Amino acid sequence: MPKAIHFGAGNIGRGFIGPLLVDSGYHVTFADVNESLIDSLNAHDHYTVHILSQRSSTTEVTDFSGVVSTSPDLLDEFPTVDLITTSVGAQILPKIAPTIAKGLKRLYQARPDALVDIIACENGVGASEILRKEVGKHFKKDASPAEIEFFDKRVGFANCSVDRIVPPFDPTKAVNGNGEKRRESKGHELDVGVEDFYEWVVDQDALKTDHNIHGMKLARDLLAYVERKLFTLNTAHATIAYLGWLKGYETVNEAIEDKQIYDIAKGAVAESGRALLKKHTIFSKDEHERYINTILDHRLKNPSVQDDIKRVCRAPKRKLGRNDRLVGPAMMDYEYGVGKPTNLAKSIAAAIWYSDKDDEDAVAIRDMVGEGGVEKVLREVSGLKKGTKKADQLVDHVVKAYGDLRSELHASTKLNGHVNGYLN
């Protein structure tokens, strides 16, 4: 049986990547800092993945174990590993890099001719390449020439695009495809709920060996898939969530039924699509339109996926990053000369409006607005450098959208009461 180590035993790991690996014949060792979660994984011989759709179904996951990622025991897993995957969040990759470097040295000592691939299954562009640089810094320090050759020639770091909504899930409160609560379940804490759609696209040229993983799509134009997903699904998801929060909604599927929000989200992904199609010619206009419609009219409206708006809104600094889901496609519109990103500017403005006293990013952004206005956020958080023509254009556009959005929301019949202080 081939063996995989997966860093991150959260919902993505247990609900998406782990089950695909197990279904493909792998034994999966989940590595996580959460000791109680690891104890639970080792105490159970299976858990259930609930497919949240109109025809709800379940699948059992077996052939797994758990190990605390800060424990020396994790290094003992590396000599027999064939594949390493992650779903820890891109910002955590540098923190797990030293452990992976130590583990790879253990693998080299045991199997110097081994081929192993590492795939960082994170939102964002080039996550595996980022991990390669971080791991390489630690691995090559005091390494022998033979060890360095092993790292450079026998360890693959393959970028990928991962696309599946895995919301917080309580099996005792699950709903069916009509939005009605299903009968009580006796599931345990490992159970996870996922939408019925998924896509895992991996850069085939970066892999060192063939893993024959069910559900993994190999592609050579990987950046196209990464940006299509990030600038369509994630753009729509964030737009709906930030506008939904401002208007007092609690879940994404509730907010998207608001015509004002739906129209802005549809406009935002249409704007990002103009630049995507010009940059990545492998997608046809009709194909991309179908992709957009699937996201907006099926996936994000799925009543069985009760995706909490605050979950989607959290960490707004990252989501307002220069190359992330809101500012990234807006700048692409200017760079490719395909028109003004009017709806994307509203999306960015809504993200800046977001306020949550329990979210450090949101608190910091609100403080920045108070100190230097919206422009301060865009310059410092989004990296839109002053004096750069296209960046200045977007800053001006968002500043105007921020003021216009306030007026639009004042006119709304359903307004989130706890933002009145900002809107007034």
Protein backbone atom coordinates (compact mmCIF):
# COMPACT_ATOMS: atom_id res chain seq x y z
CA MET A 1 0.00 0.00 0.00
CA PRO A 2 1.46 3.43 -0.96
CA LYS A 3 1.74 5.93 1.86
CA ALA A 4 0.97 9.65 2.08
CA ILE A 5 1.53 12.22 4.79
CA HIS A 6 -1.03 15.01 4.80
CA PHE A 7 -0.29 18.12 6.85
CA GLY A 8 -3.54 19.55 8.16
CA ALA A 9 -6.32 17.36 9.56
CA GLY A 10 -8.99 20.02 9.22
CA ASN A 11 -12.05 19.95 7.00
CA ILE A 12 -10.14 20.22 3.70
CA GLY A 13 -7.74 17.47 4.68
CA ARG A 14 -10.38 15.07 5.99
CA GLY A 15 -13.11 16.05 3.54
CA PHE A 16 -11.28 16.49 0.23
CA ILE A 17 -7.62 15.47 -0.19
CA GLY A 18 -7.50 12.65 2.35
CA PRO A 19 -10.54 10.79 0.98
CA LEU A 20 -9.23 10.98 -2.61
CA LEU A 21 -5.91 9.50 -1.52
CA VAL A 22 -7.57 6.74 0.50
CA ASP A 23 -9.88 5.95 -2.43
CA SER A 24 -6.75 5.60 -4.58
CA GLY A 25 -5.23 2.99 -2.28
CA TYR A 26 -3.06 5.16 -0.05
CA HIS A 27 -2.71 4.93 3.70
CA VAL A 28 -2.92 8.55 4.86
CA THR A 29 -1.12 9.81 7.96
CA PHE A 30 -2.69 13.10 9.02
CA ALA A 31 -0.24 15.48 10.75
CA ASP A 32 -1.70 18.32 12.80
CA VAL A 33 -0.88 20.46 15.85
CA ASN A 34 -4.30 19.70 17.35
CA GLU A 35 -3.54 16.85 19.74
CA SER A 36 -7.16 16.06 20.58
CA LEU A 37 -7.99 15.79 16.88
CA ILE A 38 -5.06 13.43 16.35
CA ASP A 39 -6.17 11.36 19.34
CA SER A 40 -9.62 11.09 17.80
CA LEU A 41 -8.18 10.00 14.44
CA ASN A 42 -6.21 7.26 16.16
CA ALA A 43 -9.20 6.19 18.24
CA HIS A 44 -11.46 5.59 15.24
CA ASP A 45 -11.07 3.25 12.30
CA HIS A 46 -13.32 5.31 10.02
CA TYR A 47 -15.19 8.59 9.64
CA THR A 48 -17.95 9.76 7.31
CA VAL A 49 -17.84 12.36 4.54
CA HIS A 50 -21.32 13.77 3.91
CA ILE A 51 -21.91 14.94 0.31
CA LEU A 52 -24.13 18.00 0.65
CA SER A 53 -26.45 18.12 -2.33
CA GLN A 54 -30.07 17.57 -3.29
CA ARG A 55 -29.26 13.87 -3.41
CA SER A 56 -27.26 13.78 -0.21
CA SER A 57 -25.01 10.77 0.23
CA THR A 58 -22.16 9.61 2.43
CA THR A 59 -18.87 7.81 2.03
CA GLU A 60 -16.75 6.10 4.65
CA VAL A 61 -13.03 6.91 4.93
CA THR A 62 -10.65 4.27 6.33
CA ASP A 63 -6.91 3.51 6.12
CA PHE A 64 -5.72 6.58 8.02
CA SER A 65 -3.81 7.41 11.16
CA GLY A 66 -2.74 10.59 12.92
CA VAL A 67 0.42 12.06 14.38
CA VAL A 68 1.04 15.35 16.14
CA SER A 69 3.04 17.48 13.72
CA THR A 70 5.33 18.81 16.47
CA SER A 71 6.14 15.30 17.69
CA PRO A 72 9.37 13.46 16.81
CA ASP A 73 7.11 10.55 15.86
CA LEU A 74 6.25 12.36 12.62
CA LEU A 75 9.80 11.97 11.33
CA ASP A 76 9.45 8.20 11.66
CA GLU A 77 6.75 8.34 8.95
CA PHE A 78 9.04 9.75 6.26
CA PRO A 79 11.27 6.76 5.36
CA THR A 80 8.31 4.94 3.77
CA VAL A 81 6.38 7.91 2.36
CA ASP A 82 5.51 8.21 -1.36
CA LEU A 83 3.56 11.49 -1.37
CA ILE A 84 3.29 14.54 0.89
CA THR A 85 0.33 16.92 0.69
CA THR A 86 -0.77 19.93 2.73
CA SER A 87 -3.90 21.92 3.55
CA VAL A 88 -2.72 24.12 6.38
CA GLY A 89 -3.14 27.59 4.88
CA ALA A 90 -0.48 29.25 2.74
CA GLN A 91 0.74 31.37 5.65
CA ILE A 92 1.60 28.23 7.65
CA LEU A 93 3.80 26.64 4.98
CA PRO A 94 7.03 28.24 6.26
CA LYS A 95 6.28 26.82 9.72
CA ILE A 96 6.06 23.21 8.54
CA ALA A 97 9.04 23.53 6.18
CA PRO A 98 11.71 22.65 8.81
CA THR A 99 9.88 19.44 9.71
CA ILE A 100 9.52 18.43 6.07
CA ALA A 101 13.23 19.13 5.52
CA LYS A 102 14.19 16.89 8.45
CA GLY A 103 11.80 14.22 7.23
CA LEU A 104 13.25 14.27 3.72
CA LYS A 105 16.71 13.72 5.15
CA ARG A 106 15.36 10.68 6.97
CA LEU A 107 13.85 9.49 3.68
CA TYR A 108 17.19 9.98 1.91
CA GLN A 109 19.00 7.95 4.56
CA ALA A 110 16.53 5.08 4.21
CA ARG A 111 15.86 5.21 0.45
CA PRO A 112 18.35 7.39 -1.44
CA ASP A 113 16.82 6.31 -4.76
CA ALA A 114 13.27 7.16 -3.74
CA LEU A 115 11.06 9.51 -5.75
CA VAL A 116 8.64 11.62 -3.70
CA ASP A 117 6.27 14.43 -4.62
CA ILE A 118 5.02 17.26 -2.43
CA ILE A 119 1.79 19.08 -3.31
CA ALA A 120 0.65 22.12 -1.31
CA CYS A 121 -3.14 22.13 -1.66
CA GLU A 122 -3.66 25.75 -0.65
CA ASN A 123 -5.56 28.71 -2.04
CA GLY A 124 -3.26 31.00 -3.95
CA VAL A 125 -0.74 31.00 -6.76
CA GLY A 126 2.45 28.91 -6.54
CA ALA A 127 2.00 27.47 -3.04
CA SER A 128 4.14 24.38 -3.72
CA GLU A 129 6.90 26.55 -5.19
CA ILE A 130 6.82 28.67 -2.03
CA LEU A 131 7.09 25.50 0.03
CA ARG A 132 9.98 24.26 -2.12
CA LYS A 133 12.00 27.39 -1.38
CA GLU A 134 11.26 27.20 2.35
CA VAL A 135 12.05 23.48 2.62
CA GLY A 136 15.15 23.89 0.47
CA LYS A 137 16.60 26.53 2.79
CA HIS A 138 16.46 24.09 5.71
CA PHE A 139 17.32 20.91 3.81
CA LYS A 140 20.41 22.28 2.06
CA LYS A 141 21.88 23.83 5.17
CA ASP A 142 24.90 21.63 6.02
CA ALA A 143 23.73 19.08 3.42
CA SER A 144 26.16 16.86 1.53
CA PRO A 145 26.41 17.11 -2.29
CA ALA A 146 24.57 13.77 -2.54
CA GLU A 147 21.74 15.05 -0.35
CA ILE A 148 21.44 18.23 -2.41
CA GLU A 149 21.31 16.16 -5.60
CA PHE A 150 18.56 14.02 -4.04
CA PHE A 151 16.53 17.12 -3.18
CA ASP A 152 16.97 18.74 -6.59
CA LYS A 153 16.38 15.65 -8.73
CA ARG A 154 14.21 13.22 -6.75
CA VAL A 155 11.84 15.48 -4.78
CA GLY A 156 9.04 17.09 -6.78
CA PHE A 157 7.10 20.16 -5.70
CA ALA A 158 3.98 20.39 -7.86
CA ASN A 159 1.74 23.44 -7.80
CA CYS A 160 -1.97 22.73 -7.93
CA SER A 161 -5.44 24.22 -7.97
CA VAL A 162 -7.89 22.93 -5.37
CA ASP A 163 -11.57 23.73 -5.66
CA ARG A 164 -14.14 22.45 -3.20
CA ILE A 165 -16.31 24.19 -0.62
CA VAL A 166 -15.92 22.47 2.74
CA PRO A 167 -17.96 24.47 5.26
CA PRO A 168 -18.08 23.97 9.04
CA PHE A 169 -20.29 20.94 9.57
CA ASP A 170 -22.29 19.41 12.39
CA PRO A 171 -23.76 16.04 11.32
CA THR A 172 -26.52 16.38 13.92
CA LYS A 173 -27.71 19.60 12.27
CA ALA A 174 -27.31 18.68 8.61
CA VAL A 175 -29.97 19.71 6.11
CA ASN A 176 -31.20 18.03 2.96
CA GLY A 177 -31.32 19.46 -0.55
CA ASN A 178 -34.51 21.38 0.22
CA GLY A 179 -32.90 23.21 3.12
CA GLU A 180 -34.79 21.09 5.65
CA LYS A 181 -33.10 19.42 8.60
CA ARG A 182 -32.37 15.73 8.14
CA ARG A 183 -32.95 13.18 10.85
CA GLU A 184 -30.54 13.20 13.78
CA SER A 185 -27.17 11.59 13.11
CA LYS A 186 -24.87 9.72 15.45
CA GLY A 187 -21.75 10.97 13.69
CA HIS A 188 -18.62 11.89 15.62
CA GLU A 189 -16.30 14.90 15.47
CA LEU A 190 -14.28 13.56 12.54
CA ASP A 191 -17.27 13.60 10.21
CA VAL A 192 -17.18 16.35 7.60
CA GLY A 193 -19.58 17.81 5.05
CA VAL A 194 -18.54 18.80 1.52
CA GLU A 195 -20.25 20.08 -1.60
CA ASP A 196 -20.74 17.61 -4.43
CA PHE A 197 -18.44 19.54 -6.83
CA TYR A 198 -14.64 19.30 -6.68
CA GLU A 199 -11.62 19.90 -8.89
CA TRP A 200 -7.97 19.09 -8.11
CA VAL A 201 -5.63 20.08 -10.95
CA VAL A 202 -1.90 19.37 -10.57
CA ASP A 203 1.10 20.48 -12.63
CA GLN A 204 2.09 17.23 -14.29
CA ASP A 205 5.50 18.49 -15.41
CA ALA A 206 6.59 19.04 -11.78
CA LEU A 207 5.76 15.51 -10.58
CA LYS A 208 8.58 13.00 -10.24
CA THR A 209 6.37 9.91 -10.52
CA ASP A 210 2.84 8.80 -11.43
CA HIS A 211 0.58 8.44 -8.41
CA ASN A 212 -2.64 7.26 -10.12
CA ILE A 213 -4.87 9.28 -7.81
CA HIS A 214 -8.60 9.15 -8.54
CA GLY A 215 -9.98 12.66 -8.99
CA MET A 216 -6.63 14.32 -9.68
CA LYS A 217 -6.44 16.06 -13.06
CA LEU A 218 -2.99 16.57 -14.55
CA ALA A 219 -2.34 19.69 -16.62
CA ARG A 220 0.52 21.64 -18.12
CA ASP A 221 -1.23 25.03 -18.06
CA LEU A 222 -1.57 24.96 -14.28
CA LEU A 223 -1.49 28.74 -13.72
CA ALA A 224 -4.58 29.09 -15.90
CA TYR A 225 -6.56 26.74 -13.64
CA VAL A 226 -5.24 28.33 -10.46
CA GLU A 227 -6.19 31.84 -11.56
CA ARG A 228 -9.52 30.74 -13.03
CA LYS A 229 -10.52 29.24 -9.69
CA LEU A 230 -9.09 32.04 -7.52
CA PHE A 231 -10.50 34.84 -9.67
CA THR A 232 -13.92 33.23 -10.20
CA LEU A 233 -15.03 31.01 -7.32
CA ASN A 234 -13.07 32.83 -4.63
CA THR A 235 -13.94 36.22 -6.11
CA ALA A 236 -17.65 35.43 -6.12
CA HIS A 237 -17.51 33.80 -2.69
CA ALA A 238 -15.78 36.81 -1.11
CA THR A 239 -18.00 39.34 -2.88
CA ILE A 240 -21.18 37.66 -1.68
CA ALA A 241 -19.84 37.24 1.84
CA TYR A 242 -18.66 40.82 2.37
CA LEU A 243 -21.80 42.33 0.86
CA GLY A 244 -23.90 39.79 2.71
CA TRP A 245 -22.32 40.75 6.01
CA LEU A 246 -23.06 44.41 5.39
CA LYS A 247 -26.69 43.57 4.69
CA GLY A 248 -27.12 41.33 7.72
CA TYR A 249 -27.18 37.85 6.18
CA GLU A 250 -25.70 34.86 7.98
CA THR A 251 -24.94 32.35 5.21
CA VAL A 252 -23.66 32.61 1.66
CA ASN A 253 -26.60 30.76 0.10
CA GLU A 254 -28.98 33.18 1.88
CA ALA A 255 -27.05 36.26 0.72
CA ILE A 256 -26.81 35.19 -2.92
CA GLU A 257 -30.62 35.19 -3.16
CA ASP A 258 -30.47 38.98 -2.67
CA LYS A 259 -30.66 40.33 -6.24
CA GLN A 260 -28.43 43.32 -5.48
CA ILE A 261 -25.69 41.04 -4.16
CA TYR A 262 -26.12 38.48 -6.94
CA ASP A 263 -25.86 41.14 -9.64
CA ILE A 264 -22.67 42.62 -8.17
CA ALA A 265 -21.12 39.16 -7.81
CA LYS A 266 -22.09 38.23 -11.37
CA GLY A 267 -20.62 41.51 -12.59
CA ALA A 268 -17.41 40.97 -10.63
CA VAL A 269 -16.70 37.53 -12.11
CA ALA A 270 -17.65 38.78 -15.58
CA GLU A 271 -15.04 41.51 -15.18
CA SER A 272 -12.40 39.07 -13.98
CA GLY A 273 -13.37 36.71 -16.81
CA ARG A 274 -12.60 39.30 -19.47
CA ALA A 275 -8.98 39.44 -18.38
CA LEU A 276 -8.71 35.70 -17.66
CA LEU A 277 -9.81 34.81 -21.20
CA LYS A 278 -7.35 37.25 -22.69
CA LYS A 279 -4.48 35.94 -20.56
CA HIS A 280 -5.32 32.22 -20.69
CA THR A 281 -6.48 31.23 -24.15
CA ILE A 282 -7.04 27.56 -23.23
CA PHE A 283 -10.53 28.49 -21.98
CA SER A 284 -13.26 29.40 -24.47
CA LYS A 285 -15.80 32.12 -23.77
CA ASP A 286 -18.67 29.59 -23.68
CA GLU A 287 -16.73 27.25 -21.39
CA HIS A 288 -15.98 30.05 -18.95
CA GLU A 289 -19.58 31.22 -18.97
CA ARG A 290 -20.67 27.71 -18.02
CA TYR A 291 -18.06 27.69 -15.24
CA ILE A 292 -19.44 30.99 -13.87
CA ASN A 293 -23.04 29.79 -14.04
CA THR A 294 -22.19 26.55 -12.23
CA ILE A 295 -20.62 28.54 -9.41
CA LEU A 296 -23.31 31.19 -9.03
CA ASP A 297 -26.44 29.22 -9.83
CA HIS A 298 -25.57 25.83 -8.37
CA ARG A 299 -22.63 25.71 -6.01
CA LEU A 300 -23.09 28.92 -4.01
CA LYS A 301 -26.88 28.54 -3.96
CA ASN A 302 -26.73 24.99 -2.62
CA PRO A 303 -29.11 25.03 0.40
CA SER A 304 -27.36 22.01 1.88
CA VAL A 305 -24.09 23.95 2.19
CA GLN A 306 -24.70 26.28 5.12
CA ASP A 307 -21.52 28.31 4.66
CA ASP A 308 -21.21 30.88 7.43
CA ILE A 309 -20.51 34.38 6.10
CA LYS A 310 -18.09 35.25 8.89
CA ARG A 311 -16.00 32.17 7.99
CA VAL A 312 -15.66 33.38 4.40
CA CYS A 313 -14.98 36.98 5.48
CA ARG A 314 -12.25 36.21 8.00
CA ALA A 315 -8.65 37.32 7.44
CA PRO A 316 -9.51 40.21 5.07
CA LYS A 317 -5.88 41.36 4.82
CA ARG A 318 -4.97 38.22 2.90
CA LYS A 319 -8.06 38.50 0.72
CA LEU A 320 -7.20 42.10 -0.12
CA GLY A 321 -3.68 41.09 -1.17
CA ARG A 322 -2.26 42.34 -4.47
CA ASN A 323 -2.53 38.95 -6.18
CA ASP A 324 -5.55 37.57 -4.36
CA ARG A 325 -9.23 37.19 -5.28
CA LEU A 326 -10.35 40.84 -5.29
CA VAL A 327 -7.47 43.17 -6.10
CA GLY A 328 -5.78 40.58 -8.35
CA PRO A 329 -8.51 40.37 -11.02
CA ALA A 330 -9.23 44.10 -10.77
CA MET A 331 -5.60 44.88 -11.62
CA MET A 332 -5.70 42.30 -14.43
CA ASP A 333 -8.54 44.26 -16.00
CA TYR A 334 -6.34 47.36 -16.15
CA GLU A 335 -3.26 45.41 -17.24
CA TYR A 336 -5.06 43.75 -20.15
CA GLY A 337 -7.07 46.83 -21.08
CA VAL A 338 -10.46 45.10 -20.96
CA GLY A 339 -12.42 47.79 -19.13
CA LYS A 340 -12.97 49.28 -15.69
CA PRO A 341 -13.56 46.78 -12.85
CA THR A 342 -16.65 48.53 -11.55
CA ASN A 343 -18.15 45.60 -9.64
CA LEU A 344 -14.77 44.36 -8.43
CA ALA A 345 -14.21 47.82 -6.97
CA LYS A 346 -17.45 47.38 -5.01
CA SER A 347 -16.22 43.99 -3.81
CA ILE A 348 -12.97 45.52 -2.59
CA ALA A 349 -14.86 48.35 -0.90
CA ALA A 350 -17.14 45.87 0.87
CA ALA A 351 -14.12 43.95 2.16
CA ILE A 352 -12.70 47.18 3.58
CA TRP A 353 -16.06 47.86 5.27
CA TYR A 354 -15.94 44.48 7.03
CA SER A 355 -15.74 44.79 10.80
CA ASP A 356 -15.36 42.05 13.40
CA LYS A 357 -13.82 42.77 16.79
CA ASP A 358 -12.65 39.14 17.00
CA ASP A 359 -10.78 39.33 13.68
CA GLU A 360 -7.37 41.01 14.05
CA ASP A 361 -7.20 41.79 10.33
CA ALA A 362 -10.60 43.45 10.30
CA VAL A 363 -9.79 45.53 13.38
CA ALA A 364 -6.49 46.65 11.84
CA ILE A 365 -8.16 47.60 8.56
CA ARG A 366 -10.85 49.64 10.30
CA ASP A 367 -8.13 51.44 12.28
CA MET A 368 -6.26 52.17 9.06
CA VAL A 369 -9.39 53.64 7.48
CA GLY A 370 -9.75 55.89 10.51
CA GLU A 371 -6.13 57.00 10.28
CA GLY A 372 -5.66 57.52 6.55
CA GLY A 373 -8.83 56.54 4.74
CA VAL A 374 -9.45 53.79 2.20
CA GLU A 375 -6.34 54.74 0.25
CA LYS A 376 -4.11 53.83 3.21
CA VAL A 377 -5.53 50.29 3.19
CA LEU A 378 -5.06 49.90 -0.54
CA ARG A 379 -1.50 51.18 -0.45
CA GLU A 380 -0.33 49.22 2.60
CA VAL A 381 -2.46 46.07 2.61
CA SER A 382 -3.06 45.64 -1.11
CA GLY A 383 0.38 46.85 -2.19
CA LEU A 384 -0.91 49.36 -4.75
CA LYS A 385 2.11 51.61 -5.01
CA LYS A 386 1.54 55.33 -5.38
CA GLY A 387 2.76 56.75 -8.68
CA THR A 388 2.02 53.56 -10.61
CA LYS A 389 -0.63 54.47 -13.17
CA LYS A 390 -2.76 51.32 -13.08
CA ALA A 391 -2.53 51.05 -9.28
CA ASP A 392 -3.53 54.71 -8.91
CA GLN A 393 -6.49 54.13 -11.24
CA LEU A 394 -7.75 51.26 -9.09
CA VAL A 395 -7.24 53.23 -5.87
CA ASP A 396 -9.33 56.11 -7.23
CA HIS A 397 -11.98 53.68 -8.43
CA VAL A 398 -12.26 51.88 -5.08
CA VAL A 399 -12.33 55.10 -3.06
CA LYS A 400 -15.31 56.23 -5.14
CA ALA A 401 -16.95 52.81 -4.89
CA TYR A 402 -16.52 52.90 -1.10
CA GLY A 403 -18.52 56.11 -0.88
CA ASP A 404 -21.11 54.94 -3.41
CA LEU A 405 -21.53 51.62 -1.60
CA ARG A 406 -22.31 53.43 1.62
CA SER A 407 -25.11 55.31 -0.14
CA GLU A 408 -26.44 52.12 -1.76
CA LEU A 409 -26.51 50.28 1.53
CA HIS A 410 -28.20 53.17 3.34
CA ALA A 411 -31.05 52.73 0.86
CA SER A 412 -31.26 48.99 1.53
CA THR A 413 -34.31 47.71 3.40
CA LYS A 414 -32.17 45.08 5.15
CA LEU A 415 -29.03 46.56 6.71
CA ASN A 416 -26.72 45.00 9.25
CA GLY A 417 -27.37 47.03 12.41
CA HIS A 418 -23.89 46.68 13.84
CA VAL A 419 -22.29 48.62 10.97
CA ASN A 420 -24.56 51.64 11.26
CA GLY A 421 -21.85 53.47 13.15
CA TYR A 422 -19.52 53.24 10.18
CA LEU A 423 -22.18 54.01 7.61
CA ASN A 424 -23.34 57.08 9.46
